[in-house]
Structure formats: C-alpha cells, structure tokens
C-alpha atoms as a PDB file:
ATOM      1  CA  UNK A   1      96.014 139.689 -11.485  1.00  0.00           C
ATOM      2  CA  UNK A   2      98.978 140.821 -10.004  1.00  0.00           C
ATOM      3  CA  UNK A   3     102.085 138.746 -10.972  1.00  0.00           C
ATOM      4  CA  UNK A   4     103.334 137.823  -7.497  1.00  0.00           C
ATOM      5  CA  UNK A   5     104.026 134.556  -6.284  1.00  0.00           C
ATOM      6  CA  UNK A   6     100.865 132.990  -4.199  1.00  0.00           C
ATOM      7  CA  UNK A   7     100.869 133.054  -0.571  1.00  0.00           C
ATOM      8  CA  UNK A   8      99.395 130.128   1.267  1.00  0.00           C
ATOM      9  CA  UNK A   9      96.423 133.003   2.551  1.00  0.00           C
ATOM     10  CA  UNK A  10      95.692 133.971  -0.968  1.00  0.00           C
ATOM     11  CA  UNK A  11      91.954 133.625  -2.194  1.00  0.00           C
ATOM     12  CA  UNK A  12      91.375 130.700  -4.816  1.00  0.00           C
ATOM     13  CA  UNK A  13      89.673 131.132  -8.056  1.00  0.00           C
ATOM     14  CA  UNK A  14      87.180 129.472  -6.697  1.00  0.00           C
ATOM     15  CA  UNK A  15      86.532 131.532  -3.145  1.00  0.00           C
ATOM     16  CA  UNK A  16      86.846 134.429  -5.560  1.00  0.00           C
ATOM     17  CA  UNK A  17      83.996 133.608  -7.657  1.00  0.00           C
ATOM     18  CA  UNK A  18      81.952 133.396  -4.039  1.00  0.00           C
ATOM     19  CA  UNK A  19      82.776 136.580  -3.045  1.00  0.00           C
ATOM     20  CA  UNK A  20      83.271 138.703  -5.842  1.00  0.00           C
ATOM     21  CA  UNK A  21      79.474 139.453  -5.951  1.00  0.00           C
ATOM     22  CA  UNK A  22      79.261 141.160  -2.883  1.00  0.00           C
ATOM     23  CA  UNK A  23      81.725 143.689  -3.600  1.00  0.00           C
ATOM     24  CA  UNK A  24      80.699 147.175  -4.132  1.00  0.00           C
ATOM     25  CA  UNK A  25      80.400 148.068  -7.563  1.00  0.00           C
ATOM     26  CA  UNK A  26      80.542 151.830  -7.802  1.00  0.00           C
ATOM     27  CA  UNK A  27      82.624 154.621  -6.250  1.00  0.00           C
ATOM     28  CA  UNK A  28      85.763 152.834  -5.799  1.00  0.00           C
ATOM     29  CA  UNK A  29      88.700 155.166  -6.369  1.00  0.00           C
ATOM     30  CA  UNK A  30      91.379 152.038  -4.957  1.00  0.00           C
ATOM     31  CA  UNK A  31      93.351 151.562  -8.295  1.00  0.00           C
ATOM     32  CA  UNK A  32      94.225 147.799  -6.964  1.00  0.00           C
ATOM     33  CA  UNK A  33      92.202 144.952  -7.627  1.00  0.00           C
ATOM     34  CA  UNK A  34      89.965 144.201  -5.026  1.00  0.00           C
ATOM     35  CA  UNK A  35      90.923 140.139  -5.368  1.00  0.00           C
ATOM     36  CA  UNK A  36      94.307 141.857  -3.984  1.00  0.00           C
ATOM     37  CA  UNK A  37      93.437 143.845  -1.064  1.00  0.00           C
ATOM     38  CA  UNK A  38      91.381 140.849   0.357  1.00  0.00           C
ATOM     39  CA  UNK A  39      94.469 138.638  -0.132  1.00  0.00           C
ATOM     40  CA  UNK A  40      96.291 141.199   1.908  1.00  0.00           C
ATOM     41  CA  UNK A  41      94.107 141.488   4.560  1.00  0.00           C
ATOM     42  CA  UNK A  42      93.613 137.491   4.699  1.00  0.00           C
ATOM     43  CA  UNK A  43      97.517 137.662   5.069  1.00  0.00           C
ATOM     44  CA  UNK A  44      97.723 139.952   7.860  1.00  0.00           C
ATOM     45  CA  UNK A  45      95.238 138.004   9.886  1.00  0.00           C
ATOM     46  CA  UNK A  46      97.358 134.675   9.083  1.00  0.00           C
ATOM     47  CA  UNK A  47     100.860 136.274   9.910  1.00  0.00           C
ATOM     48  CA  UNK A  48      99.710 138.644  12.654  1.00  0.00           C
ATOM     49  CA  UNK A  49     102.355 141.281  11.244  1.00  0.00           C
ATOM     50  CA  UNK A  50     101.424 144.756  11.869  1.00  0.00           C
ATOM     51  CA  UNK A  51     100.035 146.971   9.082  1.00  0.00           C
ATOM     52  CA  UNK A  52     103.165 148.869   7.913  1.00  0.00           C
ATOM     53  CA  UNK A  53     105.050 145.507   7.761  1.00  0.00           C
ATOM     54  CA  UNK A  54     102.937 144.346   4.986  1.00  0.00           C
ATOM     55  CA  UNK A  55     104.617 142.654   2.168  1.00  0.00           C
ATOM     56  CA  UNK A  56     105.564 144.854  -0.609  1.00  0.00           C
ATOM     57  CA  UNK A  57     103.958 142.943  -2.972  1.00  0.00           C
ATOM     58  CA  UNK A  58     100.839 143.581  -1.756  1.00  0.00           C
ATOM     59  CA  UNK A  59      99.519 147.027  -2.380  1.00  0.00           C
ATOM     60  CA  UNK A  60     100.630 149.685  -0.634  1.00  0.00           C
ATOM     61  CA  UNK A  61      99.513 149.027   3.095  1.00  0.00           C
ATOM     62  CA  UNK A  62      97.470 152.378   3.563  1.00  0.00           C
ATOM     63  CA  UNK A  63      95.519 151.391   0.441  1.00  0.00           C
ATOM     64  CA  UNK A  64      95.033 148.173   2.087  1.00  0.00           C
ATOM     65  CA  UNK A  65      94.231 149.628   5.532  1.00  0.00           C
ATOM     66  CA  UNK A  66      91.594 152.148   4.145  1.00  0.00           C
ATOM     67  CA  UNK A  67      89.926 149.032   2.235  1.00  0.00           C
ATOM     68  CA  UNK A  68      89.748 147.244   5.696  1.00  0.00           C
ATOM     69  CA  UNK A  69      87.933 149.757   7.177  1.00  0.00           C
ATOM     70  CA  UNK A  70      85.813 150.748   4.359  1.00  0.00           C
ATOM     71  CA  UNK A  71      84.674 147.156   4.416  1.00  0.00           C
ATOM     72  CA  UNK A  72      83.880 147.065   8.299  1.00  0.00           C
ATOM     73  CA  UNK A  73      82.064 150.499   7.360  1.00  0.00           C
ATOM     74  CA  UNK A  74      79.675 148.631   4.612  1.00  0.00           C
ATOM     75  CA  UNK A  75      79.647 145.432   6.199  1.00  0.00           C
ATOM     76  CA  UNK A  76      81.366 143.407   3.775  1.00  0.00           C
ATOM     77  CA  UNK A  77      82.610 141.075   6.611  1.00  0.00           C
ATOM     78  CA  UNK A  78      79.223 140.590   7.741  1.00  0.00           C
ATOM     79  CA  UNK A  79      78.286 139.780   4.110  1.00  0.00           C
ATOM     80  CA  UNK A  80      80.946 137.435   3.278  1.00  0.00           C
ATOM     81  CA  UNK A  81      80.410 135.739   6.306  1.00  0.00           C
ATOM     82  CA  UNK A  82      76.494 135.179   6.321  1.00  0.00           C
ATOM     83  CA  UNK A  83      77.268 133.797   2.483  1.00  0.00           C
ATOM     84  CA  UNK A  84      79.848 131.312   3.887  1.00  0.00           C
ATOM     85  CA  UNK A  85      77.837 130.003   6.549  1.00  0.00           C
ATOM     86  CA  UNK A  86      74.660 129.839   4.273  1.00  0.00           C
ATOM     87  CA  UNK A  87      76.760 127.743   1.712  1.00  0.00           C
ATOM     88  CA  UNK A  88      78.265 125.642   4.517  1.00  0.00           C
ATOM     89  CA  UNK A  89      74.864 124.495   5.877  1.00  0.00           C
ATOM     90  CA  UNK A  90      73.485 124.426   2.395  1.00  0.00           C
ATOM     91  CA  UNK A  91      76.216 121.887   1.947  1.00  0.00           C
ATOM     92  CA  UNK A  92      75.551 119.827   4.423  1.00  0.00           C
ATOM     93  CA  UNK A  93      72.033 119.674   3.737  1.00  0.00           C
ATOM     94  CA  UNK A  94      71.010 122.254   6.344  1.00  0.00           C
ATOM     95  CA  UNK A  95      68.355 125.280   6.485  1.00  0.00           C
ATOM     96  CA  UNK A  96      70.027 128.210   5.223  1.00  0.00           C
ATOM     97  CA  UNK A  97      69.966 130.281   7.586  1.00  0.00           C
ATOM     98  CA  UNK A  98      70.374 128.672  11.335  1.00  0.00           C
ATOM     99  CA  UNK A  99      67.410 129.228  13.539  1.00  0.00           C
ATOM    100  CA  UNK A 100      69.756 129.503  17.105  1.00  0.00           C
ATOM    101  CA  UNK A 101      71.934 132.295  15.493  1.00  0.00           C
ATOM    102  CA  UNK A 102      71.139 135.482  17.211  1.00  0.00           C
ATOM    103  CA  UNK A 103      71.871 139.129  15.695  1.00  0.00           C
ATOM    104  CA  UNK A 104      74.619 140.875  17.945  1.00  0.00           C
ATOM    105  CA  UNK A 105      73.013 143.939  18.147  1.00  0.00           C
ATOM    106  CA  UNK A 106      70.057 142.830  19.358  1.00  0.00           C
ATOM    107  CA  UNK A 107      72.369 140.700  22.020  1.00  0.00           C
ATOM    108  CA  UNK A 108      73.993 144.059  23.045  1.00  0.00           C
ATOM    109  CA  UNK A 109      71.321 146.374  23.340  1.00  0.00           C
ATOM    110  CA  UNK A 110      69.727 144.287  25.523  1.00  0.00           C
ATOM    111  CA  UNK A 111      72.932 143.563  27.603  1.00  0.00           C
ATOM    112  CA  UNK A 112      73.710 147.161  27.298  1.00  0.00           C
ATOM    113  CA  UNK A 113      74.667 147.386  31.281  1.00  0.00           C
ATOM    114  CA  UNK A 114      76.541 144.171  31.459  1.00  0.00           C
ATOM    115  CA  UNK A 115      79.838 143.731  30.989  1.00  0.00           C
ATOM    116  CA  UNK A 116      80.402 140.927  28.548  1.00  0.00           C
ATOM    117  CA  UNK A 117      83.818 138.918  28.607  1.00  0.00           C
ATOM    118  CA  UNK A 118      84.718 137.227  24.785  1.00  0.00           C
ATOM    119  CA  UNK A 119      87.621 134.701  25.246  1.00  0.00           C
ATOM    120  CA  UNK A 120      89.218 133.097  22.542  1.00  0.00           C
ATOM    121  CA  UNK A 121      91.128 130.054  23.723  1.00  0.00           C
ATOM    122  CA  UNK A 122      93.354 128.165  21.799  1.00  0.00           C
ATOM    123  CA  UNK A 123      92.943 129.317  18.318  1.00  0.00           C
ATOM    124  CA  UNK A 124      96.497 131.781  17.683  1.00  0.00           C
ATOM    125  CA  UNK A 125      96.966 134.587  15.927  1.00  0.00           C
ATOM    126  CA  UNK A 126      97.537 132.688  12.757  1.00  0.00           C
ATOM    127  CA  UNK A 127      94.322 132.464  12.310  1.00  0.00           C
ATOM    128  CA  UNK A 128      92.724 134.122   9.555  1.00  0.00           C
ATOM    129  CA  UNK A 129      91.000 137.531  10.041  1.00  0.00           C
ATOM    130  CA  UNK A 130      87.466 136.438   8.857  1.00  0.00           C
ATOM    131  CA  UNK A 131      87.369 134.194  11.813  1.00  0.00           C
ATOM    132  CA  UNK A 132      88.403 136.292  14.464  1.00  0.00           C
ATOM    133  CA  UNK A 133      86.736 139.753  13.037  1.00  0.00           C
ATOM    134  CA  UNK A 134      83.091 138.855  14.387  1.00  0.00           C
ATOM    135  CA  UNK A 135      84.573 138.517  17.974  1.00  0.00           C
ATOM    136  CA  UNK A 136      86.684 141.949  17.147  1.00  0.00           C
ATOM    137  CA  UNK A 137      83.483 143.408  15.803  1.00  0.00           C
ATOM    138  CA  UNK A 138      81.185 142.854  18.704  1.00  0.00           C
ATOM    139  CA  UNK A 139      84.064 144.446  21.190  1.00  0.00           C
ATOM    140  CA  UNK A 140      83.883 147.121  19.053  1.00  0.00           C
ATOM    141  CA  UNK A 141      80.168 147.578  19.105  1.00  0.00           C
ATOM    142  CA  UNK A 142      79.751 147.634  22.641  1.00  0.00           C
ATOM    143  CA  UNK A 143      81.675 149.295  25.018  1.00  0.00           C
ATOM    144  CA  UNK A 144      81.139 147.393  28.056  1.00  0.00           C
ATOM    145  CA  UNK A 145      82.806 144.325  26.508  1.00  0.00           C
ATOM    146  CA  UNK A 146      86.427 142.867  26.832  1.00  0.00           C
ATOM    147  CA  UNK A 147      88.263 140.535  24.281  1.00  0.00           C
ATOM    148  CA  UNK A 148      90.761 138.274  25.384  1.00  0.00           C
ATOM    149  CA  UNK A 149      92.905 135.618  23.205  1.00  0.00           C
ATOM    150  CA  UNK A 150      94.720 132.810  25.264  1.00  0.00           C
ATOM    151  CA  UNK A 151      97.159 130.561  23.560  1.00  0.00           C
ATOM    152  CA  UNK A 152      99.734 128.580  24.797  1.00  0.00           C
ATOM    153  CA  UNK A 153     103.087 130.735  25.345  1.00  0.00           C
ATOM    154  CA  UNK A 154     100.994 133.980  24.283  1.00  0.00           C
ATOM    155  CA  UNK A 155      98.242 136.575  25.539  1.00  0.00           C
ATOM    156  CA  UNK A 156      96.317 139.230  24.095  1.00  0.00           C
ATOM    157  CA  UNK A 157      93.997 141.424  25.685  1.00  0.00           C
ATOM    158  CA  UNK A 158      91.644 144.454  24.241  1.00  0.00           C
END
C-alpha cells in the first residue's frame, strides 16, 4: 500500500476485504494497487473534483479514469453494490435478495419509448460515487432518460 496520508474516503481494511474478491484477476496492465484506484474513485465522488484535479498522491488521473471505465464495462460497481446490499440485508436478518428490486435493463426495455426522469434530491456532490452510480448508469443506458440533481444552492442536469 502507498505510504500516503489517508483520506476520509479511503477504504478501511475491513471494506477492502469485502471488495477485493470481486476484482478481476487477470489481464491487469495497471501497475498500481487496485485498492488505491478505488480509493481515488471514491475521493473523486466525494470531493466532486475533476479527473485532472485528482491529488498527486493518488495514481495518475489517466490510470484512475481507465480503471473506472474498465470497472463500468465489466460490471465491477454493480457487483460491489449487489454484495453490499446482500451483506446489509443479511446483517439485518432479511432475505439476501430483496423481492421488490427490479433489474434496470428489464425496466428500461419495457419502457423504451417513454421519457424517464431521475431526480436526486438533497444528496449533494459530496455523496460517494458508489451511491450515485446506479442513477448515472441507468441514465447512460437509456437515451430517453434524464438525470437531475438538486441540492440547496446547486443544480446539475445531465
């Protein structure tokens, strides 16, 4: 692990133990530790800074961006979210898989001709990417979808 000062957004050892088994094992051209790459993505999501403004004690922003894109393409964030939902539900003595959840692909394919509006209200740009990502992903998957984020004193529309 890098010998830098930890940020508040860095993964704890316990969190990393949960996520590490979900990481891809082969074909890694990246010379950085994957934990540091996830820490960088979490920092970006929390701070709202631009990729190029990533602090220099993280891996280069181009490396982090390439990692992020690969993680999106290969479904890493979806795997992490699913694992966290299952762990949280198990901790709260509930069924691992919620029965009310709907696959976003099925949802959108049934509504291809309908405009869909995702409104994130009062969360703020300091919310980690892992929380915002499902909304961003669903917006990106559907050309008829719009994403809006409204917070006190700020507004973002994509």
